[in-house]
PDB file of N, CA and C in Angstrom:
ATOM      1  N   MET A   1      19.487-175.723  83.000  1.00  0.00           N
ATOM      2  CA  MET A   1      19.748-176.988  83.467  1.00  0.00           C
ATOM      3  C   MET A   1      18.917-177.441  82.256  1.00  0.00           C
ATOM      4  N   ARG A   2      19.712-179.124  82.188  1.00  0.00           N
ATOM      5  CA  ARG A   2      19.474-179.786  81.270  1.00  0.00           C
ATOM      6  C   ARG A   2      18.823-180.796  82.012  1.00  0.00           C
ATOM      7  N   ILE A   3      18.292-181.492  81.299  1.00  0.00           N
ATOM      8  CA  ILE A   3      17.638-182.947  82.028  1.00  0.00           C
ATOM      9  C   ILE A   3      18.026-183.854  80.720  1.00  0.00           C
ATOM     10  N   VAL A   4      18.219-184.504  80.750  1.00  0.00           N
ATOM     11  CA  VAL A   4      18.702-185.897  80.183  1.00  0.00           C
ATOM     12  C   VAL A   4      18.221-187.281  80.565  1.00  0.00           C
ATOM     13  N   ILE A   5      17.439-187.723  79.805  1.00  0.00           N
ATOM     14  CA  ILE A   5      16.718-189.324  80.126  1.00  0.00           C
ATOM     15  C   ILE A   5      17.248-190.299  79.258  1.00  0.00           C
ATOM     16  N   THR A   6      17.341-191.233  79.946  1.00  0.00           N
ATOM     17  CA  THR A   6      17.973-192.641  79.607  1.00  0.00           C
ATOM     18  C   THR A   6      16.786-193.835  79.439  1.00  0.00           C
ATOM     19  N   ASN A   7      16.291-194.112  78.226  1.00  0.00           N
ATOM     20  CA  ASN A   7      15.393-195.336  78.591  1.00  0.00           C
ATOM     21  C   ASN A   7      15.981-196.553  78.610  1.00  0.00           C
ATOM     22  N   SER A   8      17.229-196.827  78.736  1.00  0.00           N
ATOM     23  CA  SER A   8      17.463-198.097  78.995  1.00  0.00           C
ATOM     24  C   SER A   8      18.388-198.216  80.182  1.00  0.00           C
ATOM     25  N   SER A   9      18.356-197.018  81.292  1.00  0.00           N
ATOM     26  CA  SER A   9      18.899-197.332  82.347  1.00  0.00           C
ATOM     27  C   SER A   9      17.959-198.259  83.370  1.00  0.00           C
ATOM     28  N   GLY A  10      16.722-198.586  83.130  1.00  0.00           N
ATOM     29  CA  GLY A  10      15.626-198.772  83.911  1.00  0.00           C
ATOM     30  C   GLY A  10      15.318-198.013  85.252  1.00  0.00           C
ATOM     31  N   ILE A  11      16.039-196.964  85.042  1.00  0.00           N
ATOM     32  CA  ILE A  11      15.251-195.734  86.302  1.00  0.00           C
ATOM     33  C   ILE A  11      14.029-195.578  85.939  1.00  0.00           C
ATOM     34  N   PRO A  12      12.887-195.285  86.644  1.00  0.00           N
ATOM     35  CA  PRO A  12      11.622-194.617  86.131  1.00  0.00           C
ATOM     36  C   PRO A  12      11.904-193.195  85.458  1.00  0.00           C
ATOM     37  N   ILE A  13      11.638-192.843  84.484  1.00  0.00           N
ATOM     38  CA  ILE A  13      11.566-191.390  83.816  1.00  0.00           C
ATOM     39  C   ILE A  13      11.403-190.208  84.642  1.00  0.00           C
ATOM     40  N   TYR A  14      10.334-190.752  85.616  1.00  0.00           N
ATOM     41  CA  TYR A  14       9.839-189.447  86.486  1.00  0.00           C
ATOM     42  C   TYR A  14      11.349-189.536  87.424  1.00  0.00           C
ATOM     43  N   GLU A  15      11.746-190.669  88.300  1.00  0.00           N
ATOM     44  CA  GLU A  15      12.830-190.471  89.054  1.00  0.00           C
ATOM     45  C   GLU A  15      14.131-190.282  88.345  1.00  0.00           C
ATOM     46  N   GLN A  16      14.371-189.968  87.105  1.00  0.00           N
ATOM     47  CA  GLN A  16      15.424-189.206  86.666  1.00  0.00           C
ATOM     48  C   GLN A  16      15.165-188.147  86.567  1.00  0.00           C
ATOM     49  N   ILE A  17      13.936-187.435  86.212  1.00  0.00           N
ATOM     50  CA  ILE A  17      13.585-186.044  86.157  1.00  0.00           C
ATOM     51  C   ILE A  17      14.106-185.535  87.441  1.00  0.00           C
ATOM     52  N   LYS A  18      13.261-186.170  88.471  1.00  0.00           N
ATOM     53  CA  LYS A  18      14.022-185.724  90.008  1.00  0.00           C
ATOM     54  C   LYS A  18      14.942-185.747  90.102  1.00  0.00           C
ATOM     55  N   GLU A  19      15.655-186.709  90.363  1.00  0.00           N
ATOM     56  CA  GLU A  19      17.001-186.571  90.805  1.00  0.00           C
ATOM     57  C   GLU A  19      17.924-185.433  89.970  1.00  0.00           C
ATOM     58  N   GLN A  20      17.572-185.235  88.791  1.00  0.00           N
ATOM     59  CA  GLN A  20      18.331-184.278  88.022  1.00  0.00           C
ATOM     60  C   GLN A  20      18.234-183.176  88.605  1.00  0.00           C
ATOM     61  N   ILE A  21      16.991-182.730  88.756  1.00  0.00           N
ATOM     62  CA  ILE A  21      16.263-181.319  89.723  1.00  0.00           C
ATOM     63  C   ILE A  21      17.122-181.209  90.891  1.00  0.00           C
ATOM     64  N   LYS A  22      16.652-182.310  91.580  1.00  0.00           N
ATOM     65  CA  LYS A  22      17.444-182.387  93.025  1.00  0.00           C
ATOM     66  C   LYS A  22      19.054-182.005  93.047  1.00  0.00           C
ATOM     67  N   GLU A  23      19.624-182.925  91.661  1.00  0.00           N
ATOM     68  CA  GLU A  23      21.324-182.989  91.929  1.00  0.00           C
ATOM     69  C   GLU A  23      21.398-180.864  91.462  1.00  0.00           C
ATOM     70  N   ALA A  24      20.707-180.558  90.405  1.00  0.00           N
ATOM     71  CA  ALA A  24      20.733-179.197  90.146  1.00  0.00           C
ATOM     72  C   ALA A  24      20.869-178.020  91.276  1.00  0.00           C
ATOM     73  N   ILE A  25      19.524-178.386  92.032  1.00  0.00           N
ATOM     74  CA  ILE A  25      19.432-177.360  93.352  1.00  0.00           C
ATOM     75  C   ILE A  25      20.579-177.479  94.482  1.00  0.00           C
ATOM     76  N   LEU A  26      20.923-178.995  94.448  1.00  0.00           N
ATOM     77  CA  LEU A  26      22.018-179.253  95.580  1.00  0.00           C
ATOM     78  C   LEU A  26      22.897-178.670  95.207  1.00  0.00           C
ATOM     79  N   SER A  27      23.525-178.817  94.079  1.00  0.00           N
ATOM     80  CA  SER A  27      24.569-178.320  93.409  1.00  0.00           C
ATOM     81  C   SER A  27      24.638-176.451  93.322  1.00  0.00           C
ATOM     82  N   ASP A  28      23.495-176.128  93.469  1.00  0.00           N
ATOM     83  CA  ASP A  28      23.196-174.396  93.493  1.00  0.00           C
ATOM     84  C   ASP A  28      23.125-174.013  92.247  1.00  0.00           C
ATOM     85  N   GLU A  29      23.116-174.741  91.019  1.00  0.00           N
ATOM     86  CA  GLU A  29      23.007-174.568  89.526  1.00  0.00           C
ATOM     87  C   GLU A  29      21.561-173.865  89.639  1.00  0.00           C
ATOM     88  N   LEU A  30      20.776-174.539  90.588  1.00  0.00           N
ATOM     89  CA  LEU A  30      19.096-173.662  90.411  1.00  0.00           C
ATOM     90  C   LEU A  30      19.325-173.247  91.994  1.00  0.00           C
ATOM     91  N   SER A  31      18.908-171.914  91.811  1.00  0.00           N
ATOM     92  CA  SER A  31      18.725-171.451  93.330  1.00  0.00           C
ATOM     93  C   SER A  31      17.489-171.402  93.810  1.00  0.00           C
ATOM     94  N   GLU A  32      17.295-171.026  94.945  1.00  0.00           N
ATOM     95  CA  GLU A  32      15.935-170.481  95.961  1.00  0.00           C
ATOM     96  C   GLU A  32      15.008-169.320  94.607  1.00  0.00           C
ATOM     97  N   GLY A  33      13.624-169.794  94.688  1.00  0.00           N
ATOM     98  CA  GLY A  33      13.232-168.496  93.697  1.00  0.00           C
ATOM     99  C   GLY A  33      13.317-168.750  92.115  1.00  0.00           C
ATOM    100  N   ASP A  34      14.089-169.546  91.781  1.00  0.00           N
ATOM    101  CA  ASP A  34      14.067-170.084  90.296  1.00  0.00           C
ATOM    102  C   ASP A  34      12.965-170.765  90.149  1.00  0.00           C
ATOM    103  N   THR A  35      12.594-170.525  88.377  1.00  0.00           N
ATOM    104  CA  THR A  35      11.595-170.874  88.017  1.00  0.00           C
ATOM    105  C   THR A  35      12.031-172.234  87.324  1.00  0.00           C
ATOM    106  N   LEU A  36      11.055-173.608  87.868  1.00  0.00           N
ATOM    107  CA  LEU A  36      11.217-174.825  86.934  1.00  0.00           C
ATOM    108  C   LEU A  36      10.443-174.467  85.528  1.00  0.00           C
ATOM    109  N   PRO A  37      10.678-175.202  84.785  1.00  0.00           N
ATOM    110  CA  PRO A  37      10.202-175.245  83.349  1.00  0.00           C
ATOM    111  C   PRO A  37       8.371-175.710  83.630  1.00  0.00           C
ATOM    112  N   SER A  38       7.534-175.083  82.883  1.00  0.00           N
ATOM    113  CA  SER A  38       6.318-175.657  83.588  1.00  0.00           C
ATOM    114  C   SER A  38       6.160-177.213  82.914  1.00  0.00           C
ATOM    115  N   ILE A  39       5.297-177.811  83.753  1.00  0.00           N
ATOM    116  CA  ILE A  39       4.830-179.296  83.615  1.00  0.00           C
ATOM    117  C   ILE A  39       4.722-179.799  81.908  1.00  0.00           C
ATOM    118  N   ARG A  40       4.049-178.843  81.532  1.00  0.00           N
ATOM    119  CA  ARG A  40       3.357-179.124  79.927  1.00  0.00           C
ATOM    120  C   ARG A  40       5.157-178.580  79.083  1.00  0.00           C
ATOM    121  N   GLN A  41       5.602-177.873  79.403  1.00  0.00           N
ATOM    122  CA  GLN A  41       6.652-177.418  78.510  1.00  0.00           C
ATOM    123  C   GLN A  41       7.770-178.504  78.670  1.00  0.00           C
ATOM    124  N   LEU A  42       8.304-179.045  79.789  1.00  0.00           N
ATOM    125  CA  LEU A  42       9.144-180.089  79.981  1.00  0.00           C
ATOM    126  C   LEU A  42       8.699-181.447  79.588  1.00  0.00           C
ATOM    127  N   ALA A  43       7.497-181.421  79.883  1.00  0.00           N
ATOM    128  CA  ALA A  43       6.906-182.885  79.051  1.00  0.00           C
ATOM    129  C   ALA A  43       7.115-182.740  77.119  1.00  0.00           C
ATOM    130  N   LYS A  44       6.812-181.696  76.904  1.00  0.00           N
ATOM    131  CA  LYS A  44       7.083-181.430  75.495  1.00  0.00           C
ATOM    132  C   LYS A  44       8.765-181.839  75.072  1.00  0.00           C
ATOM    133  N   ASP A  45       9.359-180.710  75.620  1.00  0.00           N
ATOM    134  CA  ASP A  45      10.790-181.198  75.780  1.00  0.00           C
ATOM    135  C   ASP A  45      11.353-182.368  75.769  1.00  0.00           C
ATOM    136  N   LEU A  46      11.340-183.036  76.414  1.00  0.00           N
ATOM    137  CA  LEU A  46      11.896-184.019  76.895  1.00  0.00           C
ATOM    138  C   LEU A  46      10.793-185.526  75.836  1.00  0.00           C
ATOM    139  N   LYS A  47       9.300-184.908  75.296  1.00  0.00           N
ATOM    140  CA  LYS A  47       8.821-186.027  74.628  1.00  0.00           C
ATOM    141  C   LYS A  47       8.247-187.215  75.538  1.00  0.00           C
ATOM    142  N   ILE A  48       8.138-186.564  76.645  1.00  0.00           N
ATOM    143  CA  ILE A  48       6.996-187.719  77.420  1.00  0.00           C
ATOM    144  C   ILE A  48       5.783-187.208  77.763  1.00  0.00           C
ATOM    145  N   SER A  49       5.019-187.966  78.652  1.00  0.00           N
ATOM    146  CA  SER A  49       3.788-187.523  79.149  1.00  0.00           C
ATOM    147  C   SER A  49       3.496-186.319  80.216  1.00  0.00           C
ATOM    148  N   VAL A  50       2.686-185.985  80.395  1.00  0.00           N
ATOM    149  CA  VAL A  50       2.551-184.468  81.379  1.00  0.00           C
ATOM    150  C   VAL A  50       2.514-185.284  82.452  1.00  0.00           C
ATOM    151  N   ILE A  51       1.940-186.448  82.705  1.00  0.00           N
ATOM    152  CA  ILE A  51       1.813-187.358  84.080  1.00  0.00           C
ATOM    153  C   ILE A  51       3.205-187.371  84.343  1.00  0.00           C
ATOM    154  N   THR A  52       4.125-187.992  83.716  1.00  0.00           N
ATOM    155  CA  THR A  52       5.284-188.212  83.980  1.00  0.00           C
ATOM    156  C   THR A  52       5.980-186.875  84.690  1.00  0.00           C
ATOM    157  N   THR A  53       6.002-185.907  84.495  1.00  0.00           N
ATOM    158  CA  THR A  53       6.398-184.610  84.836  1.00  0.00           C
ATOM    159  C   THR A  53       5.472-184.095  86.104  1.00  0.00           C
ATOM    160  N   THR A  54       4.491-184.487  86.025  1.00  0.00           N
ATOM    161  CA  THR A  54       3.422-184.065  87.334  1.00  0.00           C
ATOM    162  C   THR A  54       3.945-185.235  88.621  1.00  0.00           C
ATOM    163  N   ARG A  55       4.204-186.382  88.150  1.00  0.00           N
ATOM    164  CA  ARG A  55       4.825-186.925  89.260  1.00  0.00           C
ATOM    165  C   ARG A  55       6.148-186.508  89.127  1.00  0.00           C
ATOM    166  N   ALA A  56       6.968-186.310  88.700  1.00  0.00           N
ATOM    167  CA  ALA A  56       8.295-185.582  88.995  1.00  0.00           C
ATOM    168  C   ALA A  56       8.361-184.377  90.246  1.00  0.00           C
ATOM    169  N   TYR A  57       7.493-183.411  89.459  1.00  0.00           N
ATOM    170  CA  TYR A  57       7.345-182.475  90.634  1.00  0.00           C
ATOM    171  C   TYR A  57       6.443-182.432  91.920  1.00  0.00           C
ATOM    172  N   SER A  58       5.776-183.424  91.536  1.00  0.00           N
ATOM    173  CA  SER A  58       4.721-183.745  92.936  1.00  0.00           C
ATOM    174  C   SER A  58       5.942-184.192  94.050  1.00  0.00           C
ATOM    175  N   GLU A  59       6.638-185.031  93.638  1.00  0.00           N
ATOM    176  CA  GLU A  59       7.478-185.808  94.576  1.00  0.00           C
ATOM    177  C   GLU A  59       8.443-184.652  94.918  1.00  0.00           C
ATOM    178  N   LEU A  60       8.905-184.023  93.984  1.00  0.00           N
ATOM    179  CA  LEU A  60       9.604-183.035  94.498  1.00  0.00           C
ATOM    180  C   LEU A  60       9.346-181.701  95.143  1.00  0.00           C
ATOM    181  N   GLU A  61       7.907-181.593  95.547  1.00  0.00           N
ATOM    182  CA  GLU A  61       7.331-180.665  96.038  1.00  0.00           C
ATOM    183  C   GLU A  61       7.218-181.553  97.528  1.00  0.00           C
ATOM    184  N   ALA A  62       6.761-182.847  97.595  1.00  0.00           N
ATOM    185  CA  ALA A  62       6.609-183.472  98.760  1.00  0.00           C
ATOM    186  C   ALA A  62       7.835-183.491  99.748  1.00  0.00           C
ATOM    187  N   GLU A  63       9.050-183.685  98.852  1.00  0.00           N
ATOM    188  CA  GLU A  63      10.356-184.141  99.639  1.00  0.00           C
ATOM    189  C   GLU A  63      10.934-182.392  99.762  1.00  0.00           C
ATOM    190  N   GLY A  64      10.133-181.309  99.599  1.00  0.00           N
ATOM    191  CA  GLY A  64      10.429-179.800 100.028  1.00  0.00           C
ATOM    192  C   GLY A  64      11.579-179.329  98.835  1.00  0.00           C
ATOM    193  N   PHE A  65      12.111-179.942  97.977  1.00  0.00           N
ATOM    194  CA  PHE A  65      12.572-178.920  97.053  1.00  0.00           C
ATOM    195  C   PHE A  65      11.864-178.077  96.206  1.00  0.00           C
ATOM    196  N   VAL A  66      11.120-177.908  95.880  1.00  0.00           N
ATOM    197  CA  VAL A  66      10.000-176.744  95.191  1.00  0.00           C
ATOM    198  C   VAL A  66       8.745-176.683  95.756  1.00  0.00           C
ATOM    199  N   VAL A  67       8.417-175.752  95.229  1.00  0.00           N
ATOM    200  CA  VAL A  67       7.010-174.957  95.986  1.00  0.00           C
ATOM    201  C   VAL A  67       5.924-174.842  94.277  1.00  0.00           C
ATOM    202  N   ASN A  68       4.930-175.599  94.318  1.00  0.00           N
ATOM    203  CA  ASN A  68       3.955-174.892  93.108  1.00  0.00           C
ATOM    204  C   ASN A  68       2.882-174.871  93.568  1.00  0.00           C
ATOM    205  N   ILE A  69       3.042-173.254  92.890  1.00  0.00           N
ATOM    206  CA  ILE A  69       1.987-172.232  92.892  1.00  0.00           C
ATOM    207  C   ILE A  69       1.194-172.096  91.832  1.00  0.00           C
ATOM    208  N   GLN A  70      -0.217-172.697  92.373  1.00  0.00           N
ATOM    209  CA  GLN A  70      -1.331-172.605  91.210  1.00  0.00           C
ATOM    210  C   GLN A  70      -1.271-171.097  90.411  1.00  0.00           C
ATOM    211  N   GLY A  71      -1.286-171.726  88.785  1.00  0.00           N
ATOM    212  CA  GLY A  71      -1.089-170.381  88.033  1.00  0.00           C
ATOM    213  C   GLY A  71      -0.301-169.796  87.712  1.00  0.00           C
ATOM    214  N   LYS A  72       0.897-170.016  88.509  1.00  0.00           N
ATOM    215  CA  LYS A  72       2.385-169.239  88.543  1.00  0.00           C
ATOM    216  C   LYS A  72       3.753-169.683  87.991  1.00  0.00           C
ATOM    217  N   GLY A  73       3.499-171.387  88.797  1.00  0.00           N
ATOM    218  CA  GLY A  73       4.531-172.320  88.248  1.00  0.00           C
ATOM    219  C   GLY A  73       5.116-172.846  89.170  1.00  0.00           C
ATOM    220  N   CYS A  74       5.813-173.467  89.397  1.00  0.00           N
ATOM    221  CA  CYS A  74       6.966-174.246  90.093  1.00  0.00           C
ATOM    222  C   CYS A  74       8.503-173.773  90.198  1.00  0.00           C
ATOM    223  N   PHE A  75       8.566-173.502  91.872  1.00  0.00           N
ATOM    224  CA  PHE A  75       9.744-172.578  92.020  1.00  0.00           C
ATOM    225  C   PHE A  75      10.617-173.337  92.941  1.00  0.00           C
ATOM    226  N   VAL A  76      11.847-173.196  92.999  1.00  0.00           N
ATOM    227  CA  VAL A  76      12.739-173.738  93.865  1.00  0.00           C
ATOM    228  C   VAL A  76      12.346-173.304  95.191  1.00  0.00           C
ATOM    229  N   SER A  77      12.247-174.296  96.413  1.00  0.00           N
ATOM    230  CA  SER A  77      12.225-173.724  97.411  1.00  0.00           C
ATOM    231  C   SER A  77      13.118-172.848  98.535  1.00  0.00           C
ATOM    232  N   PRO A  78      12.998-172.470  99.485  1.00  0.00           N
ATOM    233  CA  PRO A  78      14.067-172.023  99.911  1.00  0.00           C
ATOM    234  C   PRO A  78      15.305-173.034 100.853  1.00  0.00           C
ATOM    235  N   LYS A  79      16.198-173.244 100.633  1.00  0.00           N
ATOM    236  CA  LYS A  79      17.349-174.165 100.917  1.00  0.00           C
ATOM    237  C   LYS A  79      16.963-174.748 102.942  1.00  0.00           C
ATOM    238  N   ASN A  80      16.325-175.636 103.228  1.00  0.00           N
ATOM    239  CA  ASN A  80      16.517-176.269 104.193  1.00  0.00           C
ATOM    240  C   ASN A  80      17.644-177.059 104.831  1.00  0.00           C
ATOM    241  N   ASN A  81      18.516-176.500 105.464  1.00  0.00           N
ATOM    242  CA  ASN A  81      19.789-176.893 105.460  1.00  0.00           C
ATOM    243  C   ASN A  81      19.920-178.513 106.104  1.00  0.00           C
ATOM    244  N   GLU A  82      18.818-178.499 106.858  1.00  0.00           N
ATOM    245  CA  GLU A  82      19.068-179.770 107.218  1.00  0.00           C
ATOM    246  C   GLU A  82      18.761-181.090 106.321  1.00  0.00           C
ATOM    247  N   LEU A  83      17.529-180.602 105.526  1.00  0.00           N
ATOM    248  CA  LEU A  83      17.473-181.317 104.704  1.00  0.00           C
ATOM    249  C   LEU A  83      18.287-181.784 103.088  1.00  0.00           C
ATOM    250  N   VAL A  84      19.072-180.592 103.207  1.00  0.00           N
ATOM    251  CA  VAL A  84      20.164-180.131 101.952  1.00  0.00           C
ATOM    252  C   VAL A  84      21.402-181.502 102.760  1.00  0.00           C
ATOM    253  N   ARG A  85      21.339-181.776 103.891  1.00  0.00           N
ATOM    254  CA  ARG A  85      22.482-182.497 104.948  1.00  0.00           C
ATOM    255  C   ARG A  85      22.222-183.818 104.504  1.00  0.00           C
ATOM    256  N   GLU A  86      20.800-184.109 104.731  1.00  0.00           N
ATOM    257  CA  GLU A  86      20.416-185.588 104.647  1.00  0.00           C
ATOM    258  C   GLU A  86      20.498-186.024 103.102  1.00  0.00           C
ATOM    259  N   GLN A  87      20.257-185.465 102.451  1.00  0.00           N
ATOM    260  CA  GLN A  87      20.367-185.788 101.102  1.00  0.00           C
ATOM    261  C   GLN A  87      21.990-185.976 100.339  1.00  0.00           C
ATOM    262  N   LEU A  88      22.668-185.049 101.323  1.00  0.00           N
ATOM    263  CA  LEU A  88      23.793-185.064 100.827  1.00  0.00           C
ATOM    264  C   LEU A  88      24.476-186.662 101.704  1.00  0.00           C
ATOM    265  N   LEU A  89      24.488-186.527 102.841  1.00  0.00           N
ATOM    266  CA  LEU A  89      24.620-187.849 103.380  1.00  0.00           C
ATOM    267  C   LEU A  89      24.031-189.398 102.763  1.00  0.00           C
ATOM    268  N   SER A  90      22.576-189.002 102.600  1.00  0.00           N
ATOM    269  CA  SER A  90      22.406-190.285 101.833  1.00  0.00           C
ATOM    270  C   SER A  90      23.110-190.668 100.163  1.00  0.00           C
ATOM    271  N   LYS A  91      23.344-189.708  99.546  1.00  0.00           N
ATOM    272  CA  LYS A  91      24.461-189.771  98.649  1.00  0.00           C
ATOM    273  C   LYS A  91      25.782-190.329  99.066  1.00  0.00           C
ATOM    274  N   ILE A  92      26.370-190.132  99.783  1.00  0.00           N
ATOM    275  CA  ILE A  92      27.544-190.269 100.442  1.00  0.00           C
ATOM    276  C   ILE A  92      27.661-192.056 100.710  1.00  0.00           C
ATOM    277  N   GLU A  93      26.453-192.112 101.322  1.00  0.00           N
ATOM    278  CA  GLU A  93      26.542-193.494 101.923  1.00  0.00           C
ATOM    279  C   GLU A  93      25.926-194.173 100.490  1.00  0.00           C
ATOM    280  N   ASP A  94      25.471-194.090  99.533  1.00  0.00           N
ATOM    281  CA  ASP A  94      24.949-195.028  98.169  1.00  0.00           C
ATOM    282  C   ASP A  94      26.689-195.211  97.719  1.00  0.00           C
ATOM    283  N   ASN A  95      27.107-193.937  97.449  1.00  0.00           N
ATOM    284  CA  ASN A  95      28.291-193.876  96.944  1.00  0.00           C
ATOM    285  C   ASN A  95      29.977-194.786  97.788  1.00  0.00           C
ATOM    286  N   PHE A  96      29.196-194.690  99.124  1.00  0.00           N
ATOM    287  CA  PHE A  96      30.361-195.471 100.164  1.00  0.00           C
ATOM    288  C   PHE A  96      30.170-197.260  99.601  1.00  0.00           C
ATOM    289  N   LEU A  97      29.085-197.461  99.659  1.00  0.00           N
ATOM    290  CA  LEU A  97      28.174-198.643  99.239  1.00  0.00           C
ATOM    291  C   LEU A  97      28.398-199.303  98.266  1.00  0.00           C
ATOM    292  N   ALA A  98      28.191-198.475  97.218  1.00  0.00           N
ATOM    293  CA  ALA A  98      28.924-199.116  95.964  1.00  0.00           C
ATOM    294  C   ALA A  98      30.517-199.046  95.544  1.00  0.00           C
ATOM    295  N   ALA A  99      31.334-198.524  96.660  1.00  0.00           N
ATOM    296  CA  ALA A  99      32.606-198.654  96.880  1.00  0.00           C
ATOM    297  C   ALA A  99      33.014-199.821  97.297  1.00  0.00           C
ATOM    298  N   ILE A 100      32.392-200.220  98.454  1.00  0.00           N
ATOM    299  CA  ILE A 100      32.438-201.461  99.255  1.00  0.00           C
ATOM    300  C   ILE A 100      32.090-202.632  98.502  1.00  0.00           C
ATOM    301  N   SER A 101      31.050-202.611  97.621  1.00  0.00           N
ATOM    302  CA  SER A 101      30.571-203.881  96.983  1.00  0.00           C
ATOM    303  C   SER A 101      31.529-204.099  95.771  1.00  0.00           C
ATOM    304  N   THR A 102      32.032-203.018  95.273  1.00  0.00           N
ATOM    305  CA  THR A 102      32.946-203.155  93.887  1.00  0.00           C
ATOM    306  C   THR A 102      34.205-203.590  94.578  1.00  0.00           C
ATOM    307  N   GLY A 103      34.992-202.947  95.843  1.00  0.00           N
ATOM    308  CA  GLY A 103      35.988-203.652  96.140  1.00  0.00           C
ATOM    309  C   GLY A 103      35.920-205.158  96.852  1.00  0.00           C
ATOM    310  N   LYS A 104      34.691-205.766  97.438  1.00  0.00           N
ATOM    311  CA  LYS A 104      34.444-206.932  97.686  1.00  0.00           C
ATOM    312  C   LYS A 104      34.466-207.948  96.267  1.00  0.00           C
ATOM    313  N   ILE A 105      34.014-207.310  94.807  1.00  0.00           N
ATOM    314  CA  ILE A 105      34.062-207.832  93.678  1.00  0.00           C
ATOM    315  C   ILE A 105      35.596-208.241  93.566  1.00  0.00           C
ATOM    316  N   ALA A 106      36.583-207.188  94.068  1.00  0.00           N
ATOM    317  CA  ALA A 106      37.747-207.277  93.501  1.00  0.00           C
ATOM    318  C   ALA A 106      38.391-208.143  94.367  1.00  0.00           C
ATOM    319  N   LYS A 107      37.928-208.262  95.532  1.00  0.00           N
ATOM    320  CA  LYS A 107      38.564-209.256  96.517  1.00  0.00           C
ATOM    321  C   LYS A 107      39.518-208.227  97.572  1.00  0.00           C
ATOM    322  N   LEU A 108      39.489-207.334  97.530  1.00  0.00           N
ATOM    323  CA  LEU A 108      40.049-206.061  98.749  1.00  0.00           C
ATOM    324  C   LEU A 108      40.211-206.244  99.839  1.00  0.00           C
ATOM    325  N   SER A 109      41.221-206.272 100.878  1.00  0.00           N
ATOM    326  CA  SER A 109      41.020-206.537 102.021  1.00  0.00           C
ATOM    327  C   SER A 109      40.278-205.072 102.395  1.00  0.00           C
ATOM    328  N   ARG A 110      39.561-204.669 104.070  1.00  0.00           N
ATOM    329  CA  ARG A 110      39.186-203.738 104.315  1.00  0.00           C
ATOM    330  C   ARG A 110      40.183-202.295 104.483  1.00  0.00           C
ATOM    331  N   LYS A 111      41.057-203.377 104.999  1.00  0.00           N
ATOM    332  CA  LYS A 111      42.492-202.413 104.905  1.00  0.00           C
ATOM    333  C   LYS A 111      43.174-202.047 103.815  1.00  0.00           C
ATOM    334  N   GLU A 112      42.872-202.837 102.702  1.00  0.00           N
ATOM    335  CA  GLU A 112      42.979-201.887 101.357  1.00  0.00           C
ATOM    336  C   GLU A 112      42.093-200.734 100.657  1.00  0.00           C
ATOM    337  N   LEU A 113      41.001-201.305 101.008  1.00  0.00           N
ATOM    338  CA  LEU A 113      39.663-200.329 100.691  1.00  0.00           C
ATOM    339  C   LEU A 113      40.160-198.944 101.528  1.00  0.00           C
ATOM    340  N   LEU A 114      40.617-199.021 102.907  1.00  0.00           N
ATOM    341  CA  LEU A 114      40.499-197.658 103.560  1.00  0.00           C
ATOM    342  C   LEU A 114      41.849-197.057 103.186  1.00  0.00           C
ATOM    343  N   ASN A 115      42.856-197.517 102.786  1.00  0.00           N
ATOM    344  CA  ASN A 115      44.307-197.127 102.306  1.00  0.00           C
ATOM    345  C   ASN A 115      43.809-196.239 100.686  1.00  0.00           C
ATOM    346  N   ILE A 116      43.031-196.909  99.969  1.00  0.00           N
ATOM    347  CA  ILE A 116      42.791-196.367  98.843  1.00  0.00           C
ATOM    348  C   ILE A 116      41.626-194.930  99.333  1.00  0.00           C
ATOM    349  N   PHE A 117      40.866-195.519 100.281  1.00  0.00           N
ATOM    350  CA  PHE A 117      39.993-194.015 100.584  1.00  0.00           C
ATOM    351  C   PHE A 117      41.020-192.763 101.140  1.00  0.00           C
ATOM    352  N   GLU A 118      41.947-193.167 101.944  1.00  0.00           N
ATOM    353  CA  GLU A 118      42.757-192.443 102.316  1.00  0.00           C
ATOM    354  C   GLU A 118      43.815-191.679 101.545  1.00  0.00           C
ATOM    355  N   PHE A 119      44.278-192.305 100.510  1.00  0.00           N
ATOM    356  CA  PHE A 119      45.126-191.867  99.644  1.00  0.00           C
ATOM    357  C   PHE A 119      43.976-190.866  98.759  1.00  0.00           C
ATOM    358  N   ILE A 120      43.168-190.892  98.492  1.00  0.00           N
ATOM    359  CA  ILE A 120      41.942-190.401  97.620  1.00  0.00           C
ATOM    360  C   ILE A 120      42.309-189.035  98.593  1.00  0.00           C
ATOM    361  N   MET A 121      41.557-189.222  99.766  1.00  0.00           N
ATOM    362  CA  MET A 121      41.023-188.041 100.912  1.00  0.00           C
ATOM    363  C   MET A 121      42.925-186.969 100.024  1.00  0.00           C
ATOM    364  N   GLU A 122      43.891-187.676 100.630  1.00  0.00           N
ATOM    365  CA  GLU A 122      45.148-186.895 100.744  1.00  0.00           C
ATOM    366  C   GLU A 122      45.456-185.996  99.433  1.00  0.00           C
ATOM    367  N   GLU A 123      45.093-186.801  98.018  1.00  0.00           N
ATOM    368  CA  GLU A 123      45.101-186.558  96.864  1.00  0.00           C
ATOM    369  C   GLU A 123      44.378-184.911  96.495  1.00  0.00           C
ATOM    370  N   ASN A 124      43.004-185.198  97.638  1.00  0.00           N
ATOM    371  CA  ASN A 124      42.306-184.074  97.212  1.00  0.00           C
ATOM    372  C   ASN A 124      42.275-182.837  98.227  1.00  0.00           C
ATOM    373  N   GLN A 125      43.063-183.449  98.972  1.00  0.00           N
ATOM    374  CA  GLN A 125      43.770-181.914 100.071  1.00  0.00           C
ATOM    375  C   GLN A 125      42.014-181.973 101.435  1.00  0.00           C
ATOM    376  N   TYR A 126      41.676-183.347 101.652  1.00  0.00           N
ATOM    377  CA  TYR A 126      40.284-183.183 102.254  1.00  0.00           C
ATOM    378  C   TYR A 126      41.052-183.111 103.847  1.00  0.00           C
ATOM    379  N   GLU A 127      40.736-182.177 104.439  1.00  0.00           N
ATOM    380  CA  GLU A 127      40.997-182.251 105.575  1.00  0.00           C
ATOM    381  C   GLU A 127      39.630-182.558 106.773  1.00  0.00           C
TER     382      GLU A 127
END
């Protein structure tokens, strides 16, 4: 797993770390029981504060994605199917909102936007 930090994104660094780790877990790049880099090692690798990586890991633990075992490290939690579903639904909603916003800027009608959506669904053979 590779974490890329962008200073110009406007998104806090801890949030970027958290979201990239969540994405790796949701996409099965990281599996149940996999060990995450230590907080200190990740901070060193990214050249950021240990406080920043600690916050990212703490939030991941609070959201149920990882478990931190004192003295052993941070591990990917067993997948909670309901949690995974909620995270994916949230991501879908965000993407739909972005598409709607872009459609408004382009002055597309509701029908035009739905036609684009249907076309993409067909092209990707989504049943």
